[in-house]
């Protein structure tokens, strides 16, 4: 069976839209090109977004930036970090 690949969209917005507090971004990942244009790449994977940008521009020219902090395993919903280091010296040899 043929695997269906989802097409990645590229949406260009202006600086005024990017700085507007009420504007809803069209994607999670973006680049700012040399002309000052914000290009949003609509995909769920950062690796796919970087690969898409490398195909359009030469590889290594632009790196993909995330609009918001991505929730990781150690980050809770409210932004707090759930994993913290231990500040004890117990068990170390003297």
Protein backbone atom coordinates (compact mmCIF):
# COMPACT_ATOMS: atom_id res chain seq x y z
CA UNK A 1 0.00 0.00 0.00
CA UNK A 2 1.20 3.49 -0.80
CA UNK A 3 2.15 5.61 2.15
CA UNK A 4 0.42 8.98 2.08
CA UNK A 5 2.76 11.85 2.93
CA UNK A 6 1.21 15.01 4.32
CA UNK A 7 2.16 18.16 2.43
CA UNK A 8 3.94 20.79 4.49
CA UNK A 9 2.54 24.32 4.19
CA UNK A 10 4.63 27.48 4.16
CA UNK A 11 2.78 30.63 5.35
CA UNK A 12 4.38 34.09 5.10
CA UNK A 13 3.30 36.81 7.56
CA UNK A 14 4.38 40.40 8.18
CA UNK A 15 6.20 41.84 11.18
CA UNK A 16 3.01 43.67 12.26
CA UNK A 17 1.12 40.38 12.37
CA UNK A 18 3.98 38.66 14.20
CA UNK A 19 4.07 41.29 16.95
CA UNK A 20 0.28 41.57 17.35
CA UNK A 21 -0.76 40.09 20.72
CA UNK A 22 -4.10 38.77 19.42
CA UNK A 23 -2.70 37.13 16.29
CA UNK A 24 -2.90 33.34 16.24
CA UNK A 25 0.22 31.91 14.60
CA UNK A 26 -0.42 29.56 11.67
CA UNK A 27 2.22 27.07 12.85
CA UNK A 28 4.68 26.21 15.59
CA UNK A 29 7.95 26.60 13.67
CA UNK A 30 9.20 29.59 11.70
CA UNK A 31 12.22 31.23 10.11
CA UNK A 32 13.06 34.90 9.63
CA UNK A 33 14.66 35.31 6.22
CA UNK A 34 17.08 38.01 5.06
CA UNK A 35 14.22 40.18 3.75
CA UNK A 36 12.61 40.32 7.21
CA UNK A 37 9.73 38.01 6.29
CA UNK A 38 8.43 35.46 8.77
CA UNK A 39 7.81 32.07 7.15
CA UNK A 40 5.78 29.62 9.23
CA UNK A 41 6.17 25.93 8.45
CA UNK A 42 3.01 24.01 9.32
CA UNK A 43 4.12 20.62 10.63
CA UNK A 44 4.28 18.92 14.02
CA UNK A 45 7.92 17.86 13.81
CA UNK A 46 10.88 20.21 14.09
CA UNK A 47 13.06 17.83 12.07
CA UNK A 48 10.56 17.84 9.20
CA UNK A 49 10.38 21.63 9.32
CA UNK A 50 14.18 21.93 9.21
CA UNK A 51 14.36 19.49 6.30
CA UNK A 52 11.72 21.51 4.43
CA UNK A 53 13.65 24.77 4.98
CA UNK A 54 16.91 23.11 3.87
CA UNK A 55 15.23 22.01 0.63
CA UNK A 56 13.97 25.53 -0.15
CA UNK A 57 17.10 27.41 0.92
CA UNK A 58 20.57 25.92 1.01
CA UNK A 59 21.26 23.60 3.97
CA UNK A 60 22.56 25.37 7.07
CA UNK A 61 21.46 28.85 5.99
CA UNK A 62 18.41 29.17 8.29
CA UNK A 63 17.52 27.24 11.40
CA UNK A 64 13.95 26.69 12.45
CA UNK A 65 12.75 28.50 15.58
CA UNK A 66 9.85 27.45 17.81
CA UNK A 67 7.17 30.04 18.63
CA UNK A 68 6.36 28.66 22.07
CA UNK A 69 8.11 26.48 24.59
CA UNK A 70 7.57 22.85 23.75
CA UNK A 71 6.29 20.74 26.60
CA UNK A 72 8.88 18.14 27.47
CA UNK A 73 8.64 15.23 29.87
CA UNK A 74 10.08 17.29 32.72
CA UNK A 75 7.95 20.40 32.06
CA UNK A 76 4.49 20.66 33.61
CA UNK A 77 1.43 22.44 32.19
CA UNK A 78 2.05 25.61 34.21
CA UNK A 79 5.66 25.89 33.02
CA UNK A 80 7.27 24.61 36.20
CA UNK A 81 10.04 22.06 36.02
CA UNK A 82 9.09 18.78 37.69
CA UNK A 83 12.63 17.36 37.91
CA UNK A 84 15.09 19.06 40.20
CA UNK A 85 18.61 18.21 41.28
CA UNK A 86 19.44 16.99 44.74
CA UNK A 87 21.65 19.22 46.84
CA UNK A 88 22.98 16.61 49.24
CA UNK A 89 26.45 15.16 49.56
CA UNK A 90 25.32 11.97 51.26
CA UNK A 91 27.14 8.89 50.05
CA UNK A 92 30.29 10.66 48.88
CA UNK A 93 33.56 9.42 50.30
CA UNK A 94 35.50 11.78 52.56
